[in-house]
Amino acid sequence: MAPLDDREFATHPAFGAAIAAGLAPCRACAIAAFYDEPHRHYHARAHIREMFDHAVASGLRLSPAQALAVLFHDAVYVPGAPRGSNEMMSAQLMRVYCGALAAPLLDRAYGIIIDTADHVASCAESELVLDLDLMRLGAAPDDFARYSNAVFDEQRPLIVLADDGEARGFFESRRAPFFDRLLARPRIYCRDDFRARFEAAARANMARAVARVRARGSRGTA
């Protein structure tokens, strides 16, 4: 586990709302340990910090429900699990760790976490969390490549191809439908500020990734 310091979740300015709502700092530190599991390369502690950091840097105040959802939304991450199951288990874990908090707060946080499965906001409070979760898609091309490599590293043990290049091609082909679904939307990001900053870059990054998959497929059938 990375050493605890003043940027740990329990003391992060963006998490202050949830602490004020009654979640003990020791519980927040305990949740951080989930993100240090050895199989995590992208869905790790740095991902949660990045979401909190961006909120602070952009002057965005998270509600208690939003802060809890950010903290817990990837607390359970099993590579290859059926879509939605990691989010469901993460939301349930949030209820276990935060059972002393008010039921309406837990219900709102639970719903936001569930929304991260398909990245469709069921309520206005989900929108900021979903946009924070997807902002890496709109990174500069080199950063997007590093993010993609980290996600591939999480999936690599599940791919029974010995050659890393073939395994990477298989991974990208399985990931392309997710990108296609996002590209088909009229807007990827919910909020105007995120759309202005990340939408065009995210579309360009994903379009390039999908084009590579289709080009390989065309060569394979030629």
Protein backbone atom coordinates (compact mmCIF):
# COMPACT_ATOMS: atom_id res chain seq x y z
CA MET A 1 0.00 0.00 0.00
CA ALA A 2 1.19 3.50 -0.76
CA PRO A 3 2.07 5.50 2.35
CA LEU A 4 -0.67 7.63 3.82
CA ASP A 5 -0.12 11.35 3.53
CA ASP A 6 -2.06 14.58 3.26
CA ARG A 7 -3.40 13.54 -0.13
CA GLU A 8 -5.00 10.38 1.20
CA PHE A 9 -8.76 10.11 0.62
CA ALA A 10 -9.66 10.75 4.25
CA THR A 11 -7.98 14.17 4.24
CA HIS A 12 -8.54 15.16 0.62
CA PRO A 13 -10.42 18.46 0.30
CA ALA A 14 -12.92 16.94 -2.14
CA PHE A 15 -13.82 14.26 0.38
CA GLY A 16 -14.49 16.68 3.22
CA ALA A 17 -18.22 16.68 2.55
CA ALA A 18 -18.46 12.96 3.16
CA ILE A 19 -16.33 13.17 6.30
CA ALA A 20 -18.64 15.89 7.57
CA ALA A 21 -21.57 13.60 6.85
CA GLY A 22 -20.21 11.16 9.42
CA LEU A 23 -17.85 8.72 7.69
CA ALA A 24 -14.89 8.16 10.00
CA PRO A 25 -11.50 8.87 8.40
CA CYS A 26 -10.32 5.39 9.37
CA ARG A 27 -13.04 3.92 7.17
CA ALA A 28 -11.89 6.00 4.22
CA CYS A 29 -8.33 4.77 4.73
CA ALA A 30 -9.57 1.19 4.86
CA ILE A 31 -11.33 1.62 1.52
CA ALA A 32 -8.09 2.91 0.01
CA ALA A 33 -6.58 -0.54 0.58
CA PHE A 34 -9.00 -2.06 -1.93
CA TYR A 35 -7.48 0.11 -4.64
CA ASP A 36 -4.01 -1.25 -3.90
CA GLU A 37 -4.79 -4.83 -4.93
CA PRO A 38 -1.96 -6.18 -7.11
CA HIS A 39 -4.11 -6.85 -10.17
CA ARG A 40 -5.08 -3.18 -10.47
CA HIS A 41 -3.18 -1.04 -12.93
CA TYR A 42 -5.75 1.56 -13.94
CA HIS A 43 -8.65 1.04 -11.49
CA ALA A 44 -6.29 1.85 -8.65
CA ARG A 45 -5.75 4.53 -6.01
CA ALA A 46 -4.42 7.02 -8.57
CA HIS A 47 -7.72 6.93 -10.48
CA ILE A 48 -9.70 7.96 -7.41
CA ARG A 49 -7.18 10.65 -6.51
CA GLU A 50 -7.35 12.00 -10.04
CA MET A 51 -11.13 12.36 -9.80
CA PHE A 52 -10.91 14.15 -6.46
CA ASP A 53 -7.97 16.28 -7.63
CA HIS A 54 -9.78 17.44 -10.75
CA ALA A 55 -12.83 18.42 -8.75
CA VAL A 56 -10.70 20.58 -6.44
CA ALA A 57 -8.62 22.08 -9.25
CA SER A 58 -11.78 23.00 -11.16
CA GLY A 59 -13.55 24.47 -8.15
CA LEU A 60 -16.22 21.76 -8.18
CA ARG A 61 -17.71 20.96 -4.80
CA LEU A 62 -18.80 17.36 -4.39
CA SER A 63 -21.93 16.61 -2.41
CA PRO A 64 -21.66 13.92 0.29
CA ALA A 65 -23.33 11.41 -2.03
CA GLN A 66 -20.99 12.27 -4.89
CA ALA A 67 -17.90 12.03 -2.68
CA LEU A 68 -18.96 8.63 -1.38
CA ALA A 69 -19.69 7.44 -4.91
CA VAL A 70 -16.26 8.49 -6.15
CA LEU A 71 -14.57 6.77 -3.23
CA PHE A 72 -16.48 3.49 -3.58
CA HIS A 73 -17.34 3.19 -7.26
CA ASP A 74 -14.40 0.88 -8.10
CA ALA A 75 -13.85 -0.53 -4.61
CA VAL A 76 -14.63 -3.98 -6.01
CA TYR A 77 -12.90 -4.57 -9.32
CA VAL A 78 -12.73 -8.11 -10.72
CA PRO A 79 -11.37 -8.11 -14.29
CA GLY A 80 -13.67 -9.95 -16.65
CA ALA A 81 -16.68 -9.81 -14.34
CA PRO A 82 -20.08 -9.44 -16.06
CA ARG A 83 -20.93 -5.85 -16.82
CA GLY A 84 -22.50 -4.17 -13.83
CA SER A 85 -21.47 -6.75 -11.25
CA ASN A 86 -18.40 -4.85 -10.00
CA GLU A 87 -20.48 -1.72 -9.60
CA MET A 88 -23.24 -3.61 -7.81
CA MET A 89 -20.76 -5.16 -5.37
CA SER A 90 -19.01 -1.81 -4.86
CA ALA A 91 -22.34 -0.18 -4.06
CA GLN A 92 -23.17 -2.95 -1.59
CA LEU A 93 -19.75 -2.57 0.02
CA MET A 94 -20.47 1.13 0.46
CA ARG A 95 -23.62 0.23 2.40
CA VAL A 96 -21.61 -2.12 4.65
CA TYR A 97 -18.90 0.43 5.42
CA CYS A 98 -21.26 3.39 5.73
CA GLY A 99 -24.25 1.80 7.39
CA ALA A 100 -24.30 4.45 10.13
CA LEU A 101 -24.93 7.26 7.63
CA ALA A 102 -28.41 8.50 6.80
CA ALA A 103 -30.40 6.19 4.53
CA PRO A 104 -31.28 8.89 1.93
CA LEU A 105 -27.58 9.73 1.55
CA LEU A 106 -26.68 6.07 1.07
CA ASP A 107 -29.48 5.61 -1.44
CA ARG A 108 -28.23 8.53 -3.55
CA ALA A 109 -24.62 7.34 -3.43
CA TYR A 110 -25.73 3.79 -4.25
CA GLY A 111 -27.58 5.00 -7.35
CA ILE A 112 -24.60 7.02 -8.57
CA ILE A 113 -22.29 4.01 -8.25
CA ILE A 114 -24.74 1.84 -10.20
CA ASP A 115 -24.84 4.51 -12.92
CA THR A 116 -21.08 4.10 -13.50
CA ALA A 117 -21.71 0.68 -15.05
CA ASP A 118 -23.26 2.07 -18.25
CA HIS A 119 -22.32 5.71 -17.69
CA VAL A 120 -25.90 6.88 -17.99
CA ALA A 121 -27.01 9.34 -15.33
CA SER A 122 -30.25 8.41 -13.58
CA CYS A 123 -30.25 11.70 -11.66
CA ALA A 124 -28.57 15.09 -11.84
CA GLU A 125 -26.21 14.20 -8.98
CA SER A 126 -24.71 11.38 -11.05
CA GLU A 127 -23.58 13.64 -13.85
CA LEU A 128 -20.44 15.06 -12.25
CA VAL A 129 -19.26 11.66 -11.02
CA LEU A 130 -19.77 10.06 -14.45
CA ASP A 131 -17.88 12.87 -16.14
CA LEU A 132 -15.00 12.63 -13.67
CA ASP A 133 -14.87 8.87 -14.25
CA LEU A 134 -14.62 9.28 -18.04
CA MET A 135 -12.31 12.28 -18.25
CA ARG A 136 -9.29 10.05 -18.99
CA LEU A 137 -10.89 9.28 -22.38
CA GLY A 138 -10.27 12.90 -23.29
CA ALA A 139 -6.60 12.93 -22.34
CA ALA A 140 -3.81 13.81 -24.76
CA PRO A 141 -3.08 10.90 -27.14
CA ASP A 142 0.05 9.76 -25.27
CA ASP A 143 -1.79 9.79 -21.95
CA PHE A 144 -4.74 7.98 -23.51
CA ALA A 145 -2.31 5.30 -24.73
CA ARG A 146 -0.88 4.90 -21.23
CA TYR A 147 -4.40 4.62 -19.80
CA SER A 148 -5.24 1.97 -22.41
CA ASN A 149 -2.06 0.05 -21.59
CA ALA A 150 -2.99 0.03 -17.91
CA VAL A 151 -6.46 -1.32 -18.66
CA PHE A 152 -4.90 -3.98 -20.91
CA ASP A 153 -2.52 -4.99 -18.11
CA GLU A 154 -5.55 -5.64 -15.89
CA GLN A 155 -7.15 -7.85 -18.53
CA ARG A 156 -3.98 -9.62 -19.78
CA PRO A 157 -4.14 -12.59 -17.33
CA LEU A 158 -7.60 -13.44 -18.68
CA ILE A 159 -6.46 -13.68 -22.31
CA VAL A 160 -5.13 -17.14 -23.12
CA LEU A 161 -2.96 -16.02 -26.03
CA ALA A 162 0.77 -16.41 -25.43
CA ASP A 163 1.82 -13.66 -27.82
CA ASP A 164 1.40 -10.23 -26.25
CA GLY A 165 0.73 -8.59 -29.60
CA GLU A 166 -2.09 -11.01 -30.37
CA ALA A 167 -3.41 -10.60 -26.85
CA ARG A 168 -3.41 -6.82 -27.28
CA GLY A 169 -5.29 -7.14 -30.54
CA PHE A 170 -7.89 -9.36 -28.88
CA PHE A 171 -8.27 -6.91 -26.01
CA GLU A 172 -8.74 -3.97 -28.36
CA SER A 173 -11.33 -5.86 -30.40
CA ARG A 174 -13.33 -6.59 -27.25
CA ARG A 175 -13.06 -3.00 -26.11
CA ALA A 176 -14.09 -1.43 -29.40
CA PRO A 177 -17.86 -2.01 -28.88
CA PHE A 178 -17.70 0.03 -25.65
CA PHE A 179 -16.08 2.87 -27.56
CA ASP A 180 -18.66 2.52 -30.34
CA ARG A 181 -21.50 2.83 -27.85
CA LEU A 182 -20.01 6.03 -26.44
CA LEU A 183 -19.30 7.45 -29.89
CA ALA A 184 -22.90 6.82 -30.91
CA ARG A 185 -24.16 9.09 -28.17
CA PRO A 186 -24.95 12.69 -29.05
CA ARG A 187 -22.81 13.70 -26.06
CA ILE A 188 -20.34 11.64 -24.04
CA TYR A 189 -20.07 14.05 -21.13
CA CYS A 190 -23.12 15.23 -19.21
CA ARG A 191 -21.93 18.66 -18.13
CA ASP A 192 -21.13 21.58 -20.41
CA ASP A 193 -17.76 22.26 -18.74
CA PHE A 194 -16.55 18.68 -19.24
CA ARG A 195 -17.92 18.56 -22.76
CA ALA A 196 -16.05 21.74 -23.69
CA ARG A 197 -12.79 20.42 -22.28
CA PHE A 198 -12.86 16.69 -23.10
CA GLU A 199 -15.51 15.80 -25.69
CA ALA A 200 -13.57 16.41 -28.91
CA ALA A 201 -10.40 14.74 -27.64
CA ALA A 202 -12.33 11.73 -26.29
CA ARG A 203 -14.07 11.22 -29.61
CA ALA A 204 -10.78 11.47 -31.50
CA ASN A 205 -9.04 9.00 -29.16
CA MET A 206 -11.81 6.43 -29.33
CA ALA A 207 -12.29 6.82 -33.08
CA ARG A 208 -8.59 6.09 -33.64
CA ALA A 209 -8.79 3.02 -31.41
CA VAL A 210 -11.84 1.68 -33.24
CA ALA A 211 -10.26 2.41 -36.63
CA ARG A 212 -7.20 0.33 -35.70
CA VAL A 213 -9.43 -2.62 -34.83
CA ARG A 214 -11.34 -2.32 -38.09
CA ALA A 215 -8.13 -2.01 -40.10
CA ARG A 216 -6.82 -5.24 -38.57
CA GLY A 217 -10.11 -6.93 -39.35
CA SER A 218 -9.97 -5.79 -42.96
CA ARG A 219 -6.44 -7.12 -43.36
CA GLY A 220 -7.47 -10.42 -41.82
CA THR A 221 -10.29 -10.93 -44.30
CA ALA A 222 -8.48 -9.66 -47.38
